[in-house]
Amino acid sequence: MNKGKYFISGLCLIMALFSCKKDDANIGGEISENPGSLSTSLTDTFKIVTYSAIGDSVITSERSNPMLGAYKSEELGLVVSGIFASLTPDSLDRTFPTADFQIDSFYLKLDIVDVYGLPTNQTFEVYRATEFVNEDSLYYSVDSLVTSDLIGTIIINETDSNSYIFNLDSIYGSALLSANITDMGSKESFQSFFGGIYIKPITSSLNENEGAIYLLNRTGVSLHLKYSTTNNNNDLYDLEMDYKLSTDNQIFAKYDHNFDNSEVNDVLLDTILGQDFFYSQGLHGAIAKINFPTVQNWYSASGAKNYLINKFELSISTEKNNIFELPQTLMLTYLSTEGIRTFTTTALNEQSNTYEFTISPSEVSEQLKLNMFNNMDFNISHPFPGSNPNQVKFMGSNSNNAPTVKISYTSY
């Protein structure tokens, strides 16, 4: 497994995705004009409200690691990620025999870089797409392309990173050889003939807490076709072809979430239940949300406006899951005073299974002064939605290990 390595490489994608800026938590609080009268205090008695909400669709094209597979968990229900990919021959301007040939091999190759969940024999259907993935367009998790022929059924049950091959229907390999000289004249012409493939997970056999999501190399999907003639004309043709992604923008994932009979479904229907446990899921099925309803009132109370915020710390505990590992990094996002979604990240404390976020004190001070703190819309999610399948079960405010917020301030 290559745990955690995607969090560093994909940071720039998050800034683009959320149109947000990095929270510089090292910026100091404001400096009082009357330093001779300063005194410092610390409080952690604020009320906290926790719950989960359904996430918006996320961009799944141009992701660092396209995801393929499905898992079913007690906490988040059934999570499915299929993949559309447009492929181009490794060389064009070819001609093929119209008769007297045989298919020697026709297979799908996947470059898997990580595995999340509990792998089992998982069936996938591979379809021909009649539309191609436009490299100049953005695709979201709800998007789909038109498909037609079933070109193969494969079974994946892998536990580690590597390149794997899966045999497809050789009859459809023959169909690829029906491309004429016009179809093979350019990339655009070929994609009009063969838009690409759709790999669809079949989930009917998954049991509770079973299944896996496979993270792929962003160009790690290809087809391989090898044939030979039966009339000794092999020297007239190029007999082996690879169909690959010509750019890493021509692949995207389609997500489906079914929360039925899961723990998060109860919280989505009744947010008060999120005070016990609340949830976040990397494919953006569910977002963890947190409010601090008494902070603004505390600050706005008589005399409290003479406070300068020096530190704002939020600590949240999680429930460990032996099957679905906790993400090494999580992200806290909120709306800045300019209305820009801003983020700060933190690493998992593996000894205590907690995440501790620190927000810029100057930002908190400004929000409180403008009476905007209650509109900051705090969300906890994964740093790479669209490129991370991890799920998290957080302990809510009514749990035996409730979240805490500590505000360090200076009064003058």
Protein backbone atom coordinates (compact mmCIF):
# COMPACT_ATOMS: atom_id res chain seq x y z
CA MET A 1 0.00 0.00 0.00
CA ASN A 2 1.11 3.54 -0.68
CA LYS A 3 -0.77 5.19 2.15
CA GLY A 4 -0.91 8.94 2.38
CA LYS A 5 1.36 9.78 -0.51
CA TYR A 6 -1.41 11.43 -2.52
CA PHE A 7 -1.99 14.21 0.00
CA ILE A 8 1.21 16.05 -0.89
CA SER A 9 1.09 15.68 -4.66
CA GLY A 10 -2.48 16.90 -5.08
CA LEU A 11 -2.61 20.04 -2.93
CA CYS A 12 -2.79 22.36 -5.91
CA LEU A 13 -5.88 20.51 -7.16
CA ILE A 14 -7.74 21.32 -3.98
CA MET A 15 -7.06 25.03 -4.23
CA ALA A 16 -8.40 25.03 -7.76
CA LEU A 17 -11.36 22.83 -6.90
CA PHE A 18 -12.60 24.87 -3.98
CA SER A 19 -11.43 28.27 -5.34
CA CYS A 20 -10.11 28.77 -1.86
CA LYS A 21 -7.07 30.11 -0.14
CA LYS A 22 -4.82 28.54 2.46
CA ASP A 23 -5.45 29.51 6.05
CA ASP A 24 -2.17 30.85 7.42
CA ALA A 25 -2.62 29.80 11.02
CA ASN A 26 0.75 31.33 11.96
CA ILE A 27 -0.52 34.86 11.52
CA GLY A 28 -0.61 36.44 14.96
CA GLY A 29 -3.62 38.11 16.51
CA GLU A 30 -3.99 41.86 16.48
CA ILE A 31 -1.70 43.95 18.67
CA SER A 32 -3.41 46.08 21.26
CA GLU A 33 -2.75 49.80 21.28
CA ASN A 34 -2.57 49.64 25.06
CA PRO A 35 -0.14 46.79 25.83
CA GLY A 36 0.26 47.83 29.46
CA SER A 37 -3.22 46.56 30.28
CA LEU A 38 -3.06 43.11 28.60
CA SER A 39 -4.02 39.87 30.31
CA THR A 40 -4.33 36.37 28.82
CA SER A 41 -7.06 33.76 29.36
CA LEU A 42 -8.12 30.42 27.90
CA THR A 43 -11.61 28.96 27.54
CA ASP A 44 -12.97 25.67 26.18
CA THR A 45 -16.59 25.72 27.34
CA PHE A 46 -18.30 26.59 24.05
CA LYS A 47 -21.24 24.62 22.77
CA ILE A 48 -20.55 22.57 19.63
CA VAL A 49 -23.15 21.21 17.18
CA THR A 50 -22.15 18.31 14.91
CA TYR A 51 -24.01 16.66 12.04
CA SER A 52 -23.58 15.41 8.44
CA ALA A 53 -24.98 16.60 5.13
CA ILE A 54 -24.95 15.24 1.58
CA GLY A 55 -22.05 16.68 -0.40
CA ASP A 56 -22.35 18.45 -3.71
CA SER A 57 -21.06 16.83 -6.88
CA VAL A 58 -17.29 17.11 -7.28
CA ILE A 59 -14.99 17.32 -10.27
CA THR A 60 -13.62 13.88 -11.14
CA SER A 61 -11.71 14.66 -14.34
CA GLU A 62 -8.11 15.87 -14.02
CA ARG A 63 -7.81 14.08 -10.66
CA SER A 64 -4.50 12.80 -9.39
CA ASN A 65 -5.81 9.23 -9.02
CA PRO A 66 -9.02 8.09 -10.73
CA MET A 67 -10.93 5.62 -8.55
CA LEU A 68 -12.58 2.38 -9.58
CA GLY A 69 -14.55 -0.06 -7.45
CA ALA A 70 -17.15 -0.31 -4.72
CA TYR A 71 -17.45 -1.00 -1.04
CA LYS A 72 -20.30 -1.39 1.40
CA SER A 73 -19.93 -0.24 5.00
CA GLU A 74 -22.23 -0.08 8.00
CA GLU A 75 -21.34 3.58 8.44
CA LEU A 76 -21.64 5.01 4.89
CA GLY A 77 -23.62 2.40 2.98
CA LEU A 78 -22.81 1.44 -0.61
CA VAL A 79 -20.21 3.54 -2.43
CA VAL A 80 -19.57 2.98 -6.16
CA SER A 81 -17.06 4.52 -8.57
CA GLY A 82 -17.06 3.66 -12.27
CA ILE A 83 -14.70 5.09 -14.88
CA PHE A 84 -15.09 6.55 -18.38
CA ALA A 85 -11.91 6.71 -20.45
CA SER A 86 -11.26 7.68 -24.07
CA LEU A 87 -8.39 5.73 -25.61
CA THR A 88 -6.33 6.26 -28.77
CA PRO A 89 -4.16 3.75 -30.69
CA ASP A 90 -0.43 4.08 -30.07
CA SER A 91 -0.10 4.79 -33.80
CA LEU A 92 -2.63 5.82 -36.44
CA ASP A 93 -2.75 5.52 -40.26
CA ARG A 94 -3.04 1.75 -40.06
CA THR A 95 -4.97 -0.69 -42.19
CA PHE A 96 -6.34 -4.04 -41.06
CA PRO A 97 -7.31 -7.24 -42.84
CA THR A 98 -11.03 -7.68 -43.46
CA ALA A 99 -10.80 -11.48 -43.39
CA ASP A 100 -8.37 -14.32 -42.70
CA PHE A 101 -7.23 -13.17 -39.24
CA GLN A 102 -7.54 -14.37 -35.65
CA ILE A 103 -7.39 -12.55 -32.31
CA ASP A 104 -4.45 -13.77 -30.25
CA SER A 105 -5.07 -11.58 -27.18
CA PHE A 106 -7.39 -8.75 -26.17
CA TYR A 107 -7.17 -7.41 -22.65
CA LEU A 108 -7.66 -4.45 -20.34
CA LYS A 109 -4.65 -3.22 -18.35
CA LEU A 110 -5.01 -1.29 -15.08
CA ASP A 111 -2.15 0.36 -13.20
CA ILE A 112 -3.24 0.23 -9.55
CA VAL A 113 -1.34 2.48 -7.14
CA ASP A 114 -3.33 1.83 -3.94
CA VAL A 115 -6.22 -0.22 -2.56
CA TYR A 116 -8.76 0.96 0.02
CA GLY A 117 -11.12 -1.36 1.85
CA LEU A 118 -11.41 -5.14 2.03
CA PRO A 119 -10.82 -6.63 -1.45
CA THR A 120 -13.01 -9.49 -2.57
CA ASN A 121 -13.90 -11.02 -5.94
CA GLN A 122 -15.55 -7.97 -7.46
CA THR A 123 -17.16 -8.13 -10.89
CA PHE A 124 -16.89 -5.29 -13.41
CA GLU A 125 -18.57 -4.91 -16.78
CA VAL A 126 -16.65 -3.12 -19.54
CA TYR A 127 -18.77 -1.27 -22.10
CA ARG A 128 -18.00 0.60 -25.28
CA ALA A 129 -18.69 4.33 -24.93
CA THR A 130 -20.24 5.96 -28.01
CA GLU A 131 -19.22 9.42 -26.79
CA PHE A 132 -15.64 10.47 -26.08
CA VAL A 133 -14.30 12.28 -23.03
CA ASN A 134 -13.51 15.82 -24.17
CA GLU A 135 -10.09 16.76 -22.81
CA ASP A 136 -11.09 20.44 -22.75
CA SER A 137 -14.13 19.88 -20.52
CA LEU A 138 -14.56 19.32 -16.81
CA TYR A 139 -16.56 16.30 -15.71
CA TYR A 140 -18.33 15.84 -12.40
CA SER A 141 -19.20 12.77 -10.37
CA VAL A 142 -22.81 12.87 -11.65
CA ASP A 143 -21.82 13.02 -15.32
CA SER A 144 -22.18 10.10 -17.68
CA LEU A 145 -21.62 9.20 -21.35
CA VAL A 146 -23.73 7.06 -23.67
CA THR A 147 -22.59 3.44 -23.88
CA SER A 148 -23.43 0.55 -26.18
CA ASP A 149 -21.78 -2.87 -26.51
CA LEU A 150 -20.61 -4.97 -23.58
CA ILE A 151 -17.02 -5.85 -24.50
CA GLY A 152 -16.12 -7.94 -21.49
CA THR A 153 -16.70 -8.93 -17.88
CA ILE A 154 -13.75 -9.03 -15.51
CA ILE A 155 -13.10 -9.89 -11.85
CA ILE A 156 -10.71 -7.85 -9.69
CA ASN A 157 -9.43 -8.97 -6.31
CA GLU A 158 -6.09 -7.28 -5.69
CA THR A 159 -4.52 -6.19 -2.43
CA ASP A 160 -1.58 -4.08 -3.53
CA SER A 161 -0.23 -1.73 -6.18
CA ASN A 162 0.91 -3.15 -9.52
CA SER A 163 -0.07 -3.45 -13.18
CA TYR A 164 -2.75 -6.06 -13.83
CA ILE A 165 -4.29 -7.43 -17.03
CA PHE A 166 -7.85 -8.71 -17.50
CA ASN A 167 -8.96 -10.60 -20.60
CA LEU A 168 -11.87 -9.21 -22.61
CA ASP A 169 -14.15 -10.73 -25.25
CA SER A 170 -12.03 -11.54 -28.30
CA ILE A 171 -15.07 -11.03 -30.54
CA TYR A 172 -14.99 -7.34 -29.71
CA GLY A 173 -11.29 -7.28 -30.48
CA SER A 174 -12.35 -8.19 -34.02
CA ALA A 175 -14.77 -5.24 -33.98
CA LEU A 176 -11.88 -2.86 -33.35
CA LEU A 177 -10.26 -4.15 -36.52
CA SER A 178 -13.27 -2.95 -38.50
CA ALA A 179 -11.91 0.61 -38.31
CA ASN A 180 -11.29 1.83 -41.85
CA ILE A 181 -8.57 4.15 -43.12
CA THR A 182 -10.71 7.21 -42.38
CA ASP A 183 -11.37 6.06 -38.80
CA MET A 184 -7.62 5.67 -38.32
CA GLY A 185 -6.76 8.99 -39.94
CA SER A 186 -6.55 11.07 -36.75
CA LYS A 187 -7.21 10.95 -33.03
CA GLU A 188 -10.50 12.80 -33.52
CA SER A 189 -11.63 10.42 -36.27
CA PHE A 190 -10.80 7.37 -34.20
CA GLN A 191 -12.68 8.71 -31.17
CA SER A 192 -15.72 9.25 -33.39
CA PHE A 193 -15.44 5.56 -34.30
CA PHE A 194 -14.64 4.35 -30.78
CA GLY A 195 -15.44 6.85 -28.00
CA GLY A 196 -13.79 4.82 -25.27
CA ILE A 197 -14.78 2.47 -22.46
CA TYR A 198 -16.90 2.55 -19.33
CA ILE A 199 -15.85 0.22 -16.49
CA LYS A 200 -18.85 -0.39 -14.25
CA PRO A 201 -18.68 -2.14 -10.85
CA ILE A 202 -21.35 -4.78 -10.19
CA THR A 203 -22.23 -4.61 -6.50
CA SER A 204 -24.93 -7.24 -5.96
CA SER A 205 -22.52 -9.70 -4.31
CA LEU A 206 -21.03 -7.28 -1.76
CA ASN A 207 -21.64 -7.99 1.91
CA GLU A 208 -21.47 -5.49 4.77
CA ASN A 209 -17.96 -4.10 5.38
CA GLU A 210 -16.67 -5.64 2.17
CA GLY A 211 -15.33 -4.38 -1.15
CA ALA A 212 -12.54 -2.10 -2.31
CA ILE A 213 -11.85 1.08 -4.23
CA TYR A 214 -8.78 0.90 -6.48
CA LEU A 215 -6.80 4.10 -6.99
CA LEU A 216 -5.31 4.14 -10.47
CA ASN A 217 -2.39 5.86 -12.08
CA ARG A 218 -3.96 8.85 -13.83
CA THR A 219 -2.96 7.38 -17.20
CA GLY A 220 -3.20 3.79 -15.98
CA VAL A 221 -6.06 2.47 -18.14
CA SER A 222 -5.34 0.88 -21.54
CA LEU A 223 -6.45 -1.81 -23.97
CA HIS A 224 -4.11 -4.25 -25.72
CA LEU A 225 -4.93 -6.08 -28.94
CA LYS A 226 -2.79 -8.64 -30.74
CA TYR A 227 -3.84 -10.60 -33.84
CA SER A 228 -2.34 -12.65 -36.66
CA THR A 229 -3.38 -13.53 -40.18
CA THR A 230 -4.28 -17.04 -41.26
CA ASN A 231 -3.07 -16.61 -44.85
CA ASN A 232 0.62 -15.84 -44.12
CA ASN A 233 0.21 -12.08 -44.74
CA ASN A 234 1.53 -11.03 -41.33
CA ASP A 235 4.22 -8.87 -42.90
CA LEU A 236 1.57 -6.58 -44.43
CA TYR A 237 0.19 -5.39 -41.09
CA ASP A 238 1.17 -4.06 -37.71
CA LEU A 239 -0.23 -6.92 -35.64
CA GLU A 240 -0.10 -5.46 -32.11
CA MET A 241 -1.73 -2.30 -30.79
CA ASP A 242 -2.08 -0.47 -27.51
CA TYR A 243 -5.03 1.88 -26.97
CA LYS A 244 -4.02 4.42 -24.34
CA LEU A 245 -5.04 7.73 -22.80
CA SER A 246 -3.45 10.35 -25.05
CA THR A 247 -3.81 12.89 -22.20
CA ASP A 248 -4.67 12.45 -18.54
CA ASN A 249 -7.70 14.71 -19.07
CA GLN A 250 -9.61 12.03 -20.95
CA ILE A 251 -10.72 10.01 -17.95
CA PHE A 252 -13.27 10.71 -15.21
CA ALA A 253 -15.18 8.81 -12.54
CA LYS A 254 -18.92 8.51 -11.98
CA TYR A 255 -19.95 8.07 -8.35
CA ASP A 256 -23.09 6.55 -6.88
CA HIS A 257 -23.97 6.48 -3.18
CA ASN A 258 -26.72 4.47 -1.54
CA PHE A 259 -27.08 5.40 2.12
CA ASP A 260 -30.00 3.04 2.79
CA ASN A 261 -29.71 1.09 6.06
CA SER A 262 -26.46 2.88 6.95
CA GLU A 263 -25.60 4.87 10.06
CA VAL A 264 -25.10 8.11 8.13
CA ASN A 265 -28.56 7.82 6.59
CA ASP A 266 -30.13 8.26 10.02
CA VAL A 267 -28.05 11.38 10.61
CA LEU A 268 -28.93 12.79 7.19
CA LEU A 269 -32.63 12.35 8.03
CA ASP A 270 -32.33 13.65 11.58
CA THR A 271 -29.33 15.95 12.13
CA ILE A 272 -29.81 15.83 15.92
CA LEU A 273 -28.43 12.27 15.78
CA GLY A 274 -25.15 13.79 14.58
CA GLN A 275 -24.56 14.91 18.14
CA ASP A 276 -23.64 11.29 18.88
CA PHE A 277 -21.69 10.44 15.71
CA PHE A 278 -21.26 12.21 12.39
CA TYR A 279 -19.53 11.24 9.16
CA SER A 280 -17.38 12.29 6.21
CA GLN A 281 -16.66 10.36 3.02
CA GLY A 282 -13.93 11.06 0.49
CA LEU A 283 -16.02 10.57 -2.63
CA HIS A 284 -18.08 13.48 -1.28
CA GLY A 285 -21.09 11.39 -0.44
CA ALA A 286 -21.32 12.90 3.05
CA ILE A 287 -19.68 15.96 4.58
CA ALA A 288 -19.07 16.43 8.30
CA LYS A 289 -20.37 19.79 9.52
CA ILE A 290 -19.72 21.60 12.76
CA ASN A 291 -21.16 24.77 14.31
CA PHE A 292 -20.19 26.86 17.34
CA PRO A 293 -23.47 28.64 18.19
CA THR A 294 -22.33 30.35 21.42
CA VAL A 295 -18.98 31.83 20.31
CA GLN A 296 -20.42 34.94 18.66
CA ASN A 297 -22.67 35.63 21.66
CA TRP A 298 -19.71 35.25 24.00
CA TYR A 299 -17.68 37.73 22.00
CA SER A 300 -20.54 40.19 21.57
CA ALA A 301 -21.37 40.25 25.28
CA SER A 302 -20.64 43.35 27.29
CA GLY A 303 -16.89 43.96 27.44
CA ALA A 304 -16.00 40.97 25.31
CA LYS A 305 -15.14 43.16 22.31
CA ASN A 306 -11.98 44.02 24.18
CA TYR A 307 -10.66 40.54 23.35
CA LEU A 308 -7.88 39.84 20.86
CA ILE A 309 -7.92 36.22 19.64
CA ASN A 310 -4.49 34.58 19.77
CA LYS A 311 -5.41 30.99 18.90
CA PHE A 312 -8.43 28.96 17.81
CA GLU A 313 -8.03 25.17 18.18
CA LEU A 314 -10.55 22.46 17.32
CA SER A 315 -9.94 18.83 18.32
CA ILE A 316 -12.13 16.00 17.03
CA SER A 317 -11.90 12.30 17.89
CA THR A 318 -12.75 9.43 15.57
CA GLU A 319 -13.80 5.83 15.91
CA LYS A 320 -11.19 3.43 14.58
CA ASN A 321 -12.25 0.98 11.89
CA ASN A 322 -10.11 -2.08 11.18
CA ILE A 323 -11.36 -2.37 7.59
CA PHE A 324 -11.66 1.23 6.40
CA GLU A 325 -8.53 3.04 7.51
CA LEU A 326 -8.58 6.64 8.71
CA PRO A 327 -7.13 9.21 6.29
CA GLN A 328 -3.72 10.56 7.22
CA THR A 329 -4.88 14.12 6.54
CA LEU A 330 -8.18 15.96 6.77
CA MET A 331 -9.23 19.47 5.79
CA LEU A 332 -11.36 22.04 7.61
CA THR A 333 -12.93 24.59 5.28
CA TYR A 334 -14.90 27.75 6.05
CA LEU A 335 -16.02 31.00 4.46
CA SER A 336 -13.68 33.94 4.98
CA THR A 337 -14.92 37.51 5.49
CA GLU A 338 -14.49 37.98 1.72
CA GLY A 339 -16.77 35.01 1.02
CA ILE A 340 -13.87 32.83 -0.19
CA ARG A 341 -13.83 29.20 0.94
CA THR A 342 -10.62 28.88 2.91
CA PHE A 343 -9.00 25.74 4.24
CA THR A 344 -6.57 24.45 6.78
CA THR A 345 -5.32 20.86 7.02
CA THR A 346 -4.08 18.66 9.81
CA ALA A 347 -2.56 15.20 10.19
CA LEU A 348 -4.03 12.28 12.09
CA ASN A 349 -2.71 11.70 15.59
CA GLU A 350 -2.47 7.91 15.35
CA GLN A 351 -2.02 7.43 19.10
CA SER A 352 -5.31 9.13 20.00
CA ASN A 353 -7.12 8.87 16.62
CA THR A 354 -7.79 12.60 16.70
CA TYR A 355 -7.48 15.54 14.32
CA GLU A 356 -6.55 18.96 15.69
CA PHE A 357 -7.23 22.01 13.50
CA THR A 358 -5.88 25.50 14.09
CA ILE A 359 -7.50 28.50 12.39
CA SER A 360 -5.81 31.85 11.81
CA PRO A 361 -6.54 34.02 14.89
CA SER A 362 -6.69 37.18 12.81
CA GLU A 363 -9.44 35.59 10.67
CA VAL A 364 -11.43 34.56 13.74
CA SER A 365 -11.03 38.04 15.27
CA GLU A 366 -12.25 39.72 12.10
CA GLN A 367 -15.25 37.41 11.76
CA LEU A 368 -16.24 38.07 15.37
CA LYS A 369 -15.84 41.82 15.05
CA LEU A 370 -18.07 41.86 11.96
CA ASN A 371 -20.63 39.59 13.64
CA MET A 372 -20.07 37.02 10.85
CA PHE A 373 -18.75 34.07 12.84
CA ASN A 374 -22.03 32.14 12.64
CA ASN A 375 -21.88 32.29 8.83
CA MET A 376 -18.45 30.67 8.46
CA ASP A 377 -19.99 27.28 7.49
CA PHE A 378 -17.36 24.92 8.91
CA ASN A 379 -17.00 21.65 6.96
CA ILE A 380 -14.62 18.75 7.53
CA SER A 381 -13.70 16.75 4.44
CA HIS A 382 -10.81 15.11 2.67
CA PRO A 383 -8.13 17.27 1.06
CA PHE A 384 -8.72 15.61 -2.31
CA PRO A 385 -12.43 15.04 -2.94
CA GLY A 386 -12.62 13.17 -6.21
CA SER A 387 -9.29 11.45 -5.53
CA ASN A 388 -9.79 9.83 -2.14
CA PRO A 389 -12.23 7.11 -1.03
CA ASN A 390 -11.63 7.22 2.75
CA GLN A 391 -14.51 7.35 5.19
CA VAL A 392 -14.45 8.76 8.74
CA LYS A 393 -16.78 8.30 11.70
CA PHE A 394 -16.40 11.24 14.11
CA MET A 395 -17.50 11.34 17.72
CA GLY A 396 -20.14 14.02 18.17
CA SER A 397 -20.85 16.46 20.96
CA ASN A 398 -22.95 13.99 22.97
CA SER A 399 -20.41 11.19 22.72
CA ASN A 400 -18.04 10.11 25.50
CA ASN A 401 -15.17 11.79 23.66
CA ALA A 402 -16.75 15.00 22.39
CA PRO A 403 -15.03 17.60 20.18
CA THR A 404 -13.47 20.56 21.95
CA VAL A 405 -12.72 24.10 20.87
CA LYS A 406 -10.20 26.20 22.77
CA ILE A 407 -9.88 29.91 22.23
CA SER A 408 -6.81 31.67 23.54
CA TYR A 409 -7.35 35.43 23.80
CA THR A 410 -5.93 38.60 25.22
CA SER A 411 -8.16 41.11 27.00
CA TYR A 412 -7.34 44.81 27.22
